[in-house]
Amino acid sequence: MKKPTQSEIFTDVKDFVSKFSRFPVHKLKDNFILKSHPLKMNNPQLISMALALRGYVKNFEPNATILATEIKKSNLTVALLCNLINNKINH
């Protein structure tokens, strides 16, 4: 399967964040911290999103994985998450 481009990954990851945080994707900004206002994602939401993102990553890079601990970091922003996923797929 062809690997997605960086912009495709960023769009997909923002869609994941939007779905799991129940925050409109068109209002989502790169500097939003996942655990802070306005997203305020809790640990169960972050763990569920981590599992979904793990499947997304493994779809393109079977040997790579994403851990819930990587996503549950206190100051993880949308942009940092996008970069993390991009690095896992296009290392």
N, C-alpha and C. Protein backbone atom coordinates (compact mmCIF):
# COMPACT_ATOMS: atom_id res chain seq x y z
N MET A 1 0.84 -1.18 0.00
CA MET A 1 0.00 0.00 0.00
C MET A 1 0.89 1.25 0.00
N LYS A 2 0.51 2.22 -0.80
CA LYS A 2 1.28 3.45 -0.93
C LYS A 2 1.17 4.28 0.35
N LYS A 3 2.31 4.77 0.84
CA LYS A 3 2.32 5.58 2.05
C LYS A 3 1.74 6.96 1.77
N PRO A 4 1.00 7.51 2.73
CA PRO A 4 0.43 8.85 2.53
C PRO A 4 1.49 9.94 2.64
N THR A 5 1.20 11.08 2.05
CA THR A 5 2.09 12.23 2.17
C THR A 5 1.94 12.85 3.55
N GLN A 6 2.85 13.74 3.88
CA GLN A 6 2.79 14.42 5.18
C GLN A 6 1.46 15.17 5.34
N SER A 7 1.03 15.87 4.31
CA SER A 7 -0.22 16.63 4.43
C SER A 7 -1.42 15.70 4.58
N GLU A 8 -1.39 14.54 3.93
CA GLU A 8 -2.48 13.57 4.09
C GLU A 8 -2.50 13.01 5.52
N ILE A 9 -1.31 12.74 6.06
CA ILE A 9 -1.23 12.24 7.44
C ILE A 9 -1.75 13.29 8.41
N PHE A 10 -1.34 14.54 8.23
CA PHE A 10 -1.79 15.61 9.13
C PHE A 10 -3.31 15.75 9.08
N THR A 11 -3.89 15.67 7.88
CA THR A 11 -5.35 15.75 7.75
C THR A 11 -6.02 14.58 8.45
N ASP A 12 -5.48 13.37 8.26
CA ASP A 12 -6.06 12.18 8.88
C ASP A 12 -5.96 12.24 10.41
N VAL A 13 -4.80 12.65 10.92
CA VAL A 13 -4.62 12.72 12.38
C VAL A 13 -5.56 13.77 12.97
N LYS A 14 -5.72 14.88 12.30
CA LYS A 14 -6.66 15.91 12.78
C LYS A 14 -8.08 15.37 12.79
N ASP A 15 -8.43 14.53 11.81
CA ASP A 15 -9.75 13.88 11.81
C ASP A 15 -9.90 12.97 13.02
N PHE A 16 -8.85 12.20 13.36
CA PHE A 16 -8.89 11.35 14.55
C PHE A 16 -9.10 12.21 15.81
N VAL A 17 -8.32 13.28 15.94
CA VAL A 17 -8.45 14.15 17.12
C VAL A 17 -9.86 14.71 17.20
N SER A 18 -10.38 15.16 16.08
CA SER A 18 -11.73 15.72 16.05
C SER A 18 -12.77 14.70 16.49
N LYS A 19 -12.67 13.49 15.98
CA LYS A 19 -13.65 12.45 16.32
C LYS A 19 -13.58 12.06 17.79
N PHE A 20 -12.38 11.88 18.31
CA PHE A 20 -12.25 11.40 19.68
C PHE A 20 -12.45 12.51 20.72
N SER A 21 -12.24 13.75 20.34
CA SER A 21 -12.45 14.87 21.28
C SER A 21 -13.82 15.48 21.11
N ARG A 22 -14.52 15.11 20.04
CA ARG A 22 -15.82 15.67 19.70
C ARG A 22 -15.72 17.19 19.51
N PHE A 23 -14.63 17.61 18.88
CA PHE A 23 -14.39 19.02 18.60
C PHE A 23 -14.38 19.18 17.08
N PRO A 24 -15.08 20.20 16.55
CA PRO A 24 -15.15 20.35 15.09
C PRO A 24 -13.77 20.49 14.44
N VAL A 25 -13.54 19.72 13.41
CA VAL A 25 -12.22 19.71 12.76
C VAL A 25 -11.88 21.07 12.15
N HIS A 26 -12.88 21.81 11.69
CA HIS A 26 -12.60 23.11 11.07
C HIS A 26 -12.19 24.17 12.10
N LYS A 27 -12.42 23.91 13.39
CA LYS A 27 -11.99 24.83 14.45
C LYS A 27 -10.71 24.37 15.13
N LEU A 28 -10.20 23.22 14.74
CA LEU A 28 -9.02 22.63 15.37
C LEU A 28 -7.76 23.39 14.96
N LYS A 29 -6.95 23.76 15.95
CA LYS A 29 -5.71 24.48 15.68
C LYS A 29 -4.52 23.61 16.10
N ASP A 30 -3.39 23.81 15.41
CA ASP A 30 -2.19 23.01 15.66
C ASP A 30 -1.65 23.17 17.08
N ASN A 31 -1.83 24.34 17.68
CA ASN A 31 -1.24 24.58 19.00
C ASN A 31 -2.13 24.13 20.15
N PHE A 32 -3.29 23.56 19.87
CA PHE A 32 -4.17 23.05 20.94
C PHE A 32 -3.49 21.86 21.62
N ILE A 33 -3.47 21.89 22.94
CA ILE A 33 -2.94 20.77 23.73
C ILE A 33 -4.09 19.78 23.94
N LEU A 34 -3.82 18.51 23.70
CA LEU A 34 -4.88 17.49 23.75
C LEU A 34 -5.59 17.46 25.10
N LYS A 35 -4.85 17.60 26.19
CA LYS A 35 -5.45 17.48 27.52
C LYS A 35 -5.99 18.80 28.08
N SER A 36 -5.81 19.90 27.35
CA SER A 36 -6.22 21.21 27.86
C SER A 36 -7.41 21.77 27.08
N HIS A 37 -7.89 22.90 27.58
CA HIS A 37 -8.98 23.61 26.92
C HIS A 37 -8.55 24.02 25.52
N PRO A 38 -9.31 23.90 24.49
CA PRO A 38 -10.73 23.51 24.46
C PRO A 38 -10.97 22.02 24.22
N LEU A 39 -9.93 21.24 23.95
CA LEU A 39 -10.14 19.81 23.65
C LEU A 39 -10.47 19.01 24.90
N LYS A 40 -9.72 19.22 25.96
CA LYS A 40 -9.93 18.55 27.25
C LYS A 40 -10.14 17.05 27.12
N MET A 41 -9.23 16.40 26.40
CA MET A 41 -9.35 14.95 26.23
C MET A 41 -8.89 14.24 27.50
N ASN A 42 -9.69 13.28 27.95
CA ASN A 42 -9.33 12.52 29.15
C ASN A 42 -8.58 11.25 28.75
N ASN A 43 -8.08 10.54 29.74
CA ASN A 43 -7.27 9.35 29.46
C ASN A 43 -8.00 8.28 28.65
N PRO A 44 -9.27 7.96 28.96
CA PRO A 44 -9.96 6.97 28.12
C PRO A 44 -10.06 7.40 26.65
N GLN A 45 -10.31 8.69 26.41
CA GLN A 45 -10.37 9.18 25.03
C GLN A 45 -9.00 9.06 24.36
N LEU A 46 -7.96 9.41 25.09
CA LEU A 46 -6.60 9.35 24.54
C LEU A 46 -6.18 7.91 24.25
N ILE A 47 -6.54 7.00 25.14
CA ILE A 47 -6.20 5.58 24.93
C ILE A 47 -6.95 5.03 23.72
N SER A 48 -8.22 5.36 23.60
CA SER A 48 -9.00 4.91 22.44
C SER A 48 -8.42 5.47 21.14
N MET A 49 -8.04 6.74 21.17
CA MET A 49 -7.45 7.35 19.99
C MET A 49 -6.09 6.71 19.68
N ALA A 50 -5.33 6.39 20.71
CA ALA A 50 -4.03 5.73 20.51
C ALA A 50 -4.22 4.39 19.81
N LEU A 51 -5.22 3.63 20.21
CA LEU A 51 -5.48 2.33 19.57
C LEU A 51 -5.88 2.51 18.11
N ALA A 52 -6.71 3.51 17.83
CA ALA A 52 -7.11 3.78 16.46
C ALA A 52 -5.91 4.23 15.62
N LEU A 53 -5.08 5.10 16.20
CA LEU A 53 -3.89 5.58 15.48
C LEU A 53 -2.88 4.45 15.28
N ARG A 54 -2.82 3.52 16.22
CA ARG A 54 -1.93 2.36 16.06
C ARG A 54 -2.31 1.56 14.82
N GLY A 55 -3.61 1.34 14.64
CA GLY A 55 -4.08 0.65 13.44
C GLY A 55 -3.76 1.43 12.18
N TYR A 56 -3.91 2.75 12.25
CA TYR A 56 -3.59 3.61 11.10
C TYR A 56 -2.11 3.51 10.74
N VAL A 57 -1.25 3.58 11.74
CA VAL A 57 0.19 3.50 11.51
C VAL A 57 0.56 2.13 10.95
N LYS A 58 0.05 1.07 11.55
CA LYS A 58 0.40 -0.29 11.12
C LYS A 58 -0.11 -0.61 9.71
N ASN A 59 -1.14 0.10 9.29
CA ASN A 59 -1.66 -0.07 7.93
C ASN A 59 -0.59 0.29 6.89
N PHE A 60 0.22 1.28 7.20
CA PHE A 60 1.24 1.75 6.27
C PHE A 60 2.66 1.28 6.62
N GLU A 61 2.91 1.06 7.90
CA GLU A 61 4.24 0.65 8.37
C GLU A 61 4.06 -0.44 9.43
N PRO A 62 3.95 -1.71 8.99
CA PRO A 62 3.64 -2.82 9.90
C PRO A 62 4.60 -2.98 11.09
N ASN A 63 5.83 -2.55 10.96
CA ASN A 63 6.80 -2.72 12.04
C ASN A 63 6.78 -1.59 13.05
N ALA A 64 6.05 -0.53 12.76
CA ALA A 64 5.99 0.62 13.67
C ALA A 64 4.74 0.50 14.55
N THR A 65 4.79 1.18 15.69
CA THR A 65 3.62 1.20 16.57
C THR A 65 3.56 2.53 17.29
N ILE A 66 2.41 2.81 17.83
CA ILE A 66 2.21 4.02 18.64
C ILE A 66 1.73 3.54 20.01
N LEU A 67 2.30 4.07 21.05
CA LEU A 67 1.94 3.67 22.41
C LEU A 67 1.04 4.72 23.05
N ALA A 68 0.16 4.25 23.92
CA ALA A 68 -0.73 5.18 24.64
C ALA A 68 0.08 6.17 25.46
N THR A 69 1.22 5.73 26.00
CA THR A 69 2.05 6.64 26.80
C THR A 69 2.59 7.80 25.97
N GLU A 70 2.82 7.57 24.67
CA GLU A 70 3.28 8.65 23.81
C GLU A 70 2.19 9.70 23.60
N ILE A 71 0.95 9.27 23.59
CA ILE A 71 -0.16 10.18 23.34
C ILE A 71 -0.66 10.83 24.63
N LYS A 72 -0.46 10.18 25.76
CA LYS A 72 -0.95 10.72 27.03
C LYS A 72 -0.02 11.75 27.65
N LYS A 73 1.06 12.13 26.98
CA LYS A 73 1.97 13.15 27.52
C LYS A 73 1.19 14.44 27.75
N SER A 74 1.53 15.13 28.83
CA SER A 74 0.73 16.26 29.28
C SER A 74 0.70 17.45 28.32
N ASN A 75 1.76 17.72 27.61
CA ASN A 75 1.80 18.90 26.74
C ASN A 75 1.78 18.56 25.26
N LEU A 76 1.24 17.42 24.91
CA LEU A 76 1.20 17.02 23.51
C LEU A 76 0.17 17.85 22.75
N THR A 77 0.63 18.55 21.73
CA THR A 77 -0.26 19.37 20.92
C THR A 77 -0.70 18.59 19.68
N VAL A 78 -1.67 19.15 18.99
CA VAL A 78 -2.14 18.54 17.75
C VAL A 78 -0.98 18.45 16.75
N ALA A 79 -0.20 19.51 16.63
CA ALA A 79 0.94 19.53 15.69
C ALA A 79 1.98 18.47 16.06
N LEU A 80 2.29 18.33 17.35
CA LEU A 80 3.27 17.33 17.77
C LEU A 80 2.76 15.92 17.50
N LEU A 81 1.47 15.70 17.70
CA LEU A 81 0.89 14.39 17.41
C LEU A 81 0.97 14.10 15.90
N CYS A 82 0.66 15.09 15.08
CA CYS A 82 0.77 14.92 13.63
C CYS A 82 2.19 14.55 13.23
N ASN A 83 3.16 15.25 13.79
CA ASN A 83 4.57 14.95 13.49
C ASN A 83 4.98 13.57 13.98
N LEU A 84 4.50 13.19 15.15
CA LEU A 84 4.81 11.87 15.70
C LEU A 84 4.31 10.77 14.76
N ILE A 85 3.07 10.88 14.33
CA ILE A 85 2.50 9.87 13.44
C ILE A 85 3.21 9.87 12.09
N ASN A 86 3.51 11.06 11.58
CA ASN A 86 4.24 11.16 10.31
C ASN A 86 5.61 10.47 10.42
N ASN A 87 6.31 10.70 11.53
CA ASN A 87 7.62 10.07 11.72
C ASN A 87 7.52 8.55 11.84
N LYS A 88 6.45 8.06 12.43
CA LYS A 88 6.27 6.60 12.55
C LYS A 88 6.07 5.97 11.17
N ILE A 89 5.33 6.67 10.30
CA ILE A 89 5.01 6.11 8.99
C ILE A 89 6.13 6.36 7.98
N ASN A 90 6.67 7.56 7.98
CA ASN A 90 7.67 7.94 6.98
C ASN A 90 9.06 8.15 7.60
N HIS A 91 9.49 7.21 8.40
CA HIS A 91 10.79 7.34 9.08
C HIS A 91 11.96 7.19 8.14
